């Protein structure tokens, strides 16, 4: 699958703007950026929308039945045991899990050939 250039490109633009501001603090560039930054976000969203809408499954066979779903795996986050241990200043019991990784699945989209 092809990787997107949008995220790295946005990081380069934002980094360049901060570098420009650090090198030329008297320049009025950030006035324009602060006024028009919503247009940058809108453009980024449109680019991502186009990238998503033109993606095609390279292994798709119209004669076969198929289903698609989205699986989301969250980054590890602290469990309530970690928050309680920090809040009350206690050491957790041995073997206590301090983080959890949540998972989510969408409903499948079923494809059935017409023939």
N, C-alpha and C. Protein backbone atom coordinates (compact mmCIF):
# COMPACT_ATOMS: atom_id res chain seq x y z
N UNK A 1 0.85 -1.19 0.00
CA UNK A 1 0.00 0.00 0.00
C UNK A 1 0.89 1.24 0.00
N UNK A 2 0.49 2.24 -0.72
CA UNK A 2 1.23 3.48 -0.85
C UNK A 2 1.07 4.33 0.40
N UNK A 3 2.19 4.89 0.88
CA UNK A 3 2.15 5.76 2.05
C UNK A 3 1.82 7.18 1.63
N UNK A 4 1.21 7.94 2.50
CA UNK A 4 0.81 9.31 2.21
C UNK A 4 1.98 10.27 2.39
N UNK A 5 2.05 11.26 1.54
CA UNK A 5 3.06 12.31 1.66
C UNK A 5 2.52 13.52 2.42
N UNK A 6 1.24 13.52 2.73
CA UNK A 6 0.61 14.70 3.32
C UNK A 6 1.19 15.05 4.69
N UNK A 7 1.25 14.08 5.59
CA UNK A 7 1.76 14.34 6.94
C UNK A 7 3.19 14.86 6.95
N UNK A 8 4.14 14.14 6.30
CA UNK A 8 5.51 14.65 6.26
C UNK A 8 5.62 16.01 5.59
N UNK A 9 4.83 16.25 4.55
CA UNK A 9 4.87 17.55 3.88
C UNK A 9 4.39 18.66 4.82
N UNK A 10 3.32 18.40 5.57
CA UNK A 10 2.83 19.40 6.52
C UNK A 10 3.87 19.68 7.61
N UNK A 11 4.55 18.63 8.10
CA UNK A 11 5.59 18.84 9.10
C UNK A 11 6.73 19.69 8.54
N UNK A 12 7.10 19.46 7.28
CA UNK A 12 8.14 20.28 6.67
C UNK A 12 7.72 21.74 6.56
N UNK A 13 6.47 21.97 6.17
CA UNK A 13 5.98 23.35 6.05
C UNK A 13 5.94 24.03 7.41
N UNK A 14 5.40 23.36 8.40
CA UNK A 14 5.30 23.95 9.74
C UNK A 14 6.70 24.20 10.31
N UNK A 15 7.60 23.23 10.16
CA UNK A 15 8.97 23.41 10.62
C UNK A 15 9.67 24.56 9.93
N UNK A 16 9.44 24.68 8.62
CA UNK A 16 10.05 25.78 7.87
C UNK A 16 9.52 27.13 8.35
N UNK A 17 8.23 27.20 8.65
CA UNK A 17 7.66 28.45 9.14
C UNK A 17 8.25 28.84 10.49
N UNK A 18 8.42 27.87 11.39
CA UNK A 18 9.03 28.18 12.68
C UNK A 18 10.49 28.59 12.53
N UNK A 19 11.22 27.91 11.63
CA UNK A 19 12.61 28.29 11.38
C UNK A 19 12.69 29.70 10.83
N UNK A 20 11.82 30.02 9.87
CA UNK A 20 11.78 31.37 9.30
C UNK A 20 11.51 32.41 10.39
N UNK A 21 10.58 32.11 11.27
CA UNK A 21 10.25 33.04 12.35
C UNK A 21 11.43 33.22 13.31
N UNK A 22 12.17 32.13 13.59
CA UNK A 22 13.33 32.23 14.48
C UNK A 22 14.46 33.01 13.84
N UNK A 23 14.63 32.87 12.54
CA UNK A 23 15.71 33.57 11.85
C UNK A 23 15.36 35.02 11.55
N UNK A 24 14.09 35.31 11.37
CA UNK A 24 13.62 36.66 11.03
C UNK A 24 12.45 37.03 11.94
N UNK A 25 12.71 37.31 13.22
CA UNK A 25 11.60 37.59 14.15
C UNK A 25 10.83 38.86 13.82
N UNK A 26 11.43 39.78 13.07
CA UNK A 26 10.73 41.01 12.72
C UNK A 26 9.80 40.84 11.52
N UNK A 27 9.90 39.72 10.81
CA UNK A 27 9.05 39.48 9.64
C UNK A 27 7.60 39.28 10.08
N UNK A 28 6.68 39.66 9.25
CA UNK A 28 5.24 39.58 9.56
C UNK A 28 4.63 38.29 9.02
N UNK A 29 5.46 37.28 8.80
CA UNK A 29 4.98 36.04 8.21
C UNK A 29 3.95 35.34 9.10
N UNK A 30 4.18 35.34 10.41
CA UNK A 30 3.27 34.64 11.30
C UNK A 30 1.91 35.34 11.41
N UNK A 31 1.84 36.62 11.10
CA UNK A 31 0.53 37.27 11.06
C UNK A 31 -0.33 36.66 9.97
N UNK A 32 0.29 36.43 8.81
CA UNK A 32 -0.45 35.82 7.70
C UNK A 32 -0.79 34.37 8.02
N UNK A 33 0.16 33.65 8.62
CA UNK A 33 -0.09 32.24 8.95
C UNK A 33 -1.21 32.12 9.98
N UNK A 34 -1.16 32.96 11.00
CA UNK A 34 -2.19 32.87 12.03
C UNK A 34 -3.57 33.23 11.49
N UNK A 35 -3.62 34.05 10.47
CA UNK A 35 -4.90 34.43 9.89
C UNK A 35 -5.44 33.35 8.95
N UNK A 36 -4.54 32.67 8.24
CA UNK A 36 -4.99 31.75 7.19
C UNK A 36 -4.75 30.27 7.51
N UNK A 37 -4.38 29.90 8.76
CA UNK A 37 -4.11 28.51 9.06
C UNK A 37 -5.31 27.59 8.86
N UNK A 38 -6.56 28.07 9.03
CA UNK A 38 -7.68 27.14 8.75
C UNK A 38 -7.70 26.66 7.30
N UNK A 39 -7.24 27.50 6.36
CA UNK A 39 -7.21 27.08 4.97
C UNK A 39 -6.20 25.95 4.76
N UNK A 40 -5.11 25.98 5.52
CA UNK A 40 -4.12 24.92 5.44
C UNK A 40 -4.75 23.60 5.93
N UNK A 41 -5.49 23.66 7.02
CA UNK A 41 -6.15 22.45 7.52
C UNK A 41 -7.20 21.93 6.54
N UNK A 42 -7.94 22.84 5.93
CA UNK A 42 -8.94 22.44 4.94
C UNK A 42 -8.26 21.78 3.74
N UNK A 43 -7.16 22.37 3.28
CA UNK A 43 -6.43 21.79 2.15
C UNK A 43 -5.89 20.41 2.50
N UNK A 44 -5.36 20.28 3.72
CA UNK A 44 -4.84 18.99 4.17
C UNK A 44 -5.97 17.96 4.19
N UNK A 45 -7.12 18.34 4.70
CA UNK A 45 -8.26 17.43 4.73
C UNK A 45 -8.72 17.03 3.34
N UNK A 46 -8.73 17.97 2.41
CA UNK A 46 -9.13 17.65 1.04
C UNK A 46 -8.14 16.70 0.38
N UNK A 47 -6.86 16.92 0.62
CA UNK A 47 -5.85 16.03 0.05
C UNK A 47 -6.02 14.62 0.60
N UNK A 48 -6.23 14.51 1.91
CA UNK A 48 -6.43 13.19 2.51
C UNK A 48 -7.70 12.52 1.98
N UNK A 49 -8.76 13.32 1.80
CA UNK A 49 -10.01 12.78 1.27
C UNK A 49 -9.81 12.22 -0.14
N UNK A 50 -9.08 12.95 -0.95
CA UNK A 50 -8.80 12.47 -2.31
C UNK A 50 -7.96 11.21 -2.26
N UNK A 51 -6.94 11.17 -1.39
CA UNK A 51 -6.11 9.97 -1.29
C UNK A 51 -6.93 8.76 -0.88
N UNK A 52 -7.84 8.95 0.06
CA UNK A 52 -8.66 7.83 0.54
C UNK A 52 -9.66 7.40 -0.54
N UNK A 53 -10.23 8.35 -1.24
CA UNK A 53 -11.28 8.00 -2.20
C UNK A 53 -10.72 7.32 -3.44
N UNK A 54 -9.47 7.51 -3.77
CA UNK A 54 -8.94 6.87 -4.98
C UNK A 54 -8.19 5.58 -4.67
N UNK A 55 -8.12 5.18 -3.38
CA UNK A 55 -7.43 3.93 -3.05
C UNK A 55 -8.24 2.76 -3.55
N UNK A 56 -7.56 1.80 -4.14
CA UNK A 56 -8.21 0.59 -4.63
C UNK A 56 -7.47 -0.62 -4.05
N UNK A 57 -8.23 -1.66 -3.74
CA UNK A 57 -7.63 -2.89 -3.24
C UNK A 57 -6.95 -3.59 -4.41
N UNK A 58 -5.63 -3.75 -4.38
CA UNK A 58 -4.94 -4.37 -5.52
C UNK A 58 -5.28 -5.86 -5.68
N UNK A 59 -5.77 -6.52 -4.63
CA UNK A 59 -6.09 -7.94 -4.71
C UNK A 59 -7.58 -8.20 -4.91
N UNK A 60 -8.35 -7.15 -5.17
CA UNK A 60 -9.80 -7.31 -5.31
C UNK A 60 -10.13 -8.09 -6.57
N UNK A 61 -11.01 -9.08 -6.41
CA UNK A 61 -11.49 -9.87 -7.53
C UNK A 61 -13.01 -9.77 -7.50
N UNK A 62 -13.58 -9.17 -8.54
CA UNK A 62 -15.03 -8.93 -8.57
C UNK A 62 -15.84 -10.22 -8.59
N UNK A 63 -15.22 -11.35 -8.90
CA UNK A 63 -15.95 -12.62 -8.94
C UNK A 63 -16.00 -13.31 -7.58
N UNK A 64 -15.23 -12.84 -6.61
CA UNK A 64 -15.18 -13.47 -5.29
C UNK A 64 -15.98 -12.68 -4.26
N UNK A 65 -16.55 -13.41 -3.29
CA UNK A 65 -17.18 -12.75 -2.16
C UNK A 65 -16.08 -12.20 -1.26
N UNK A 66 -16.36 -11.07 -0.62
CA UNK A 66 -15.34 -10.46 0.24
C UNK A 66 -16.02 -9.63 1.33
N UNK A 67 -15.26 -9.28 2.33
CA UNK A 67 -15.74 -8.32 3.33
C UNK A 67 -14.57 -7.46 3.77
N UNK A 68 -14.91 -6.25 4.17
CA UNK A 68 -13.91 -5.29 4.62
C UNK A 68 -14.34 -4.77 5.99
N UNK A 69 -13.37 -4.48 6.83
CA UNK A 69 -13.65 -3.85 8.11
C UNK A 69 -12.41 -3.07 8.52
N UNK A 70 -12.59 -2.20 9.49
CA UNK A 70 -11.47 -1.42 10.01
C UNK A 70 -11.18 -1.88 11.43
N UNK A 71 -9.91 -2.13 11.70
CA UNK A 71 -9.48 -2.51 13.05
C UNK A 71 -8.61 -1.38 13.58
N UNK A 72 -8.93 -0.90 14.75
CA UNK A 72 -8.20 0.19 15.37
C UNK A 72 -7.53 -0.33 16.63
N UNK A 73 -6.24 -0.08 16.76
CA UNK A 73 -5.51 -0.46 17.96
C UNK A 73 -4.96 0.83 18.57
N UNK A 74 -5.40 1.12 19.78
CA UNK A 74 -5.00 2.35 20.45
C UNK A 74 -3.60 2.21 21.02
N UNK A 75 -2.89 3.32 21.15
CA UNK A 75 -1.59 3.27 21.81
C UNK A 75 -1.81 2.90 23.27
N UNK A 76 -0.84 2.25 23.91
CA UNK A 76 -1.03 1.89 25.33
C UNK A 76 -1.29 3.14 26.18
N UNK A 77 -2.32 3.05 27.02
CA UNK A 77 -2.67 4.16 27.90
C UNK A 77 -2.69 3.65 29.34
N UNK A 78 -2.48 4.54 30.31
CA UNK A 78 -2.48 4.11 31.71
C UNK A 78 -3.85 3.57 32.13
N UNK A 79 -3.82 2.50 32.91
CA UNK A 79 -5.05 1.96 33.49
C UNK A 79 -5.39 2.74 34.75
N UNK A 80 -6.56 2.52 35.28
CA UNK A 80 -6.96 3.23 36.50
C UNK A 80 -6.05 2.87 37.65
N UNK A 81 -5.44 1.65 37.62
CA UNK A 81 -4.52 1.27 38.69
C UNK A 81 -3.29 2.18 38.71
N UNK A 82 -2.82 2.60 37.54
CA UNK A 82 -1.67 3.50 37.47
C UNK A 82 -2.04 4.87 38.04
N UNK A 83 -3.23 5.36 37.70
CA UNK A 83 -3.66 6.67 38.21
C UNK A 83 -3.82 6.63 39.75
N UNK A 84 -4.41 5.53 40.24
CA UNK A 84 -4.58 5.42 41.69
C UNK A 84 -3.25 5.33 42.42
N UNK A 85 -2.31 4.55 41.87
CA UNK A 85 -1.00 4.42 42.51
C UNK A 85 -0.30 5.77 42.57
N UNK A 86 -0.40 6.54 41.49
CA UNK A 86 0.21 7.87 41.48
C UNK A 86 -0.49 8.82 42.46
N UNK A 87 -1.82 8.79 42.45
CA UNK A 87 -2.58 9.72 43.28
C UNK A 87 -2.37 9.47 44.78
N UNK A 88 -2.39 8.18 45.14
CA UNK A 88 -2.28 7.85 46.57
C UNK A 88 -0.85 7.58 47.01
N UNK A 89 0.10 7.64 46.06
CA UNK A 89 1.51 7.44 46.40
C UNK A 89 1.83 6.05 46.91
N UNK A 90 1.16 5.05 46.34
CA UNK A 90 1.42 3.67 46.77
C UNK A 90 2.08 2.90 45.63
N UNK A 91 2.77 1.84 46.01
CA UNK A 91 3.40 0.98 45.02
C UNK A 91 2.39 -0.10 44.63
N UNK A 92 2.16 -0.31 43.33
CA UNK A 92 1.19 -1.33 42.93
C UNK A 92 1.66 -2.74 43.28
N UNK A 93 0.70 -3.62 43.42
CA UNK A 93 1.01 -5.02 43.72
C UNK A 93 1.79 -5.65 42.57
N UNK A 94 2.66 -6.61 42.86
CA UNK A 94 3.38 -7.28 41.77
C UNK A 94 2.41 -7.92 40.79
N UNK A 95 2.71 -7.79 39.53
CA UNK A 95 1.86 -8.37 38.49
C UNK A 95 0.72 -7.48 38.05
N UNK A 96 0.57 -6.31 38.66
CA UNK A 96 -0.51 -5.40 38.27
C UNK A 96 -0.18 -4.75 36.94
N UNK A 97 -1.11 -4.85 36.01
CA UNK A 97 -0.89 -4.21 34.70
C UNK A 97 -1.15 -2.71 34.83
N UNK A 98 -0.19 -1.93 34.37
CA UNK A 98 -0.29 -0.48 34.52
C UNK A 98 -0.78 0.20 33.24
N UNK A 99 -0.74 -0.49 32.12
CA UNK A 99 -1.24 0.08 30.87
C UNK A 99 -2.20 -0.91 30.22
N UNK A 100 -2.99 -0.38 29.31
CA UNK A 100 -3.94 -1.20 28.56
C UNK A 100 -3.96 -0.69 27.12
N UNK A 101 -4.15 -1.61 26.19
CA UNK A 101 -4.27 -1.27 24.79
C UNK A 101 -5.68 -1.61 24.34
N UNK A 102 -6.47 -0.60 24.07
CA UNK A 102 -7.86 -0.82 23.64
C UNK A 102 -7.89 -1.17 22.16
N UNK A 103 -8.90 -1.93 21.78
CA UNK A 103 -9.10 -2.31 20.38
C UNK A 103 -10.55 -2.04 20.00
N UNK A 104 -10.74 -1.73 18.74
CA UNK A 104 -12.10 -1.51 18.25
C UNK A 104 -12.18 -2.04 16.82
N UNK A 105 -13.36 -2.54 16.46
CA UNK A 105 -13.61 -3.06 15.12
C UNK A 105 -14.90 -2.45 14.59
N UNK A 106 -14.90 -2.13 13.31
CA UNK A 106 -16.13 -1.63 12.71
C UNK A 106 -17.00 -2.80 12.27
N UNK A 107 -18.20 -2.50 11.93
CA UNK A 107 -19.06 -3.51 11.32
C UNK A 107 -18.51 -3.82 9.93
N UNK A 108 -18.58 -5.08 9.53
CA UNK A 108 -18.03 -5.41 8.21
C UNK A 108 -18.91 -4.90 7.08
N UNK A 109 -18.26 -4.65 5.98
CA UNK A 109 -18.96 -4.31 4.73
C UNK A 109 -18.82 -5.54 3.84
N UNK A 110 -19.94 -6.16 3.52
CA UNK A 110 -19.93 -7.40 2.75
C UNK A 110 -20.10 -7.09 1.28
N UNK A 111 -19.31 -7.79 0.48
CA UNK A 111 -19.42 -7.67 -0.98
C UNK A 111 -19.79 -9.04 -1.52
N UNK A 112 -20.90 -9.09 -2.28
CA UNK A 112 -21.33 -10.31 -2.92
C UNK A 112 -21.44 -10.07 -4.42
N UNK A 113 -20.79 -10.88 -5.23
CA UNK A 113 -20.90 -10.68 -6.69
C UNK A 113 -22.35 -10.83 -7.15
N UNK A 114 -22.69 -10.16 -8.22
CA UNK A 114 -24.07 -10.21 -8.71
C UNK A 114 -24.41 -11.53 -9.35
N UNK A 115 -23.45 -12.25 -9.87
CA UNK A 115 -23.73 -13.53 -10.54
C UNK A 115 -23.72 -14.66 -9.58
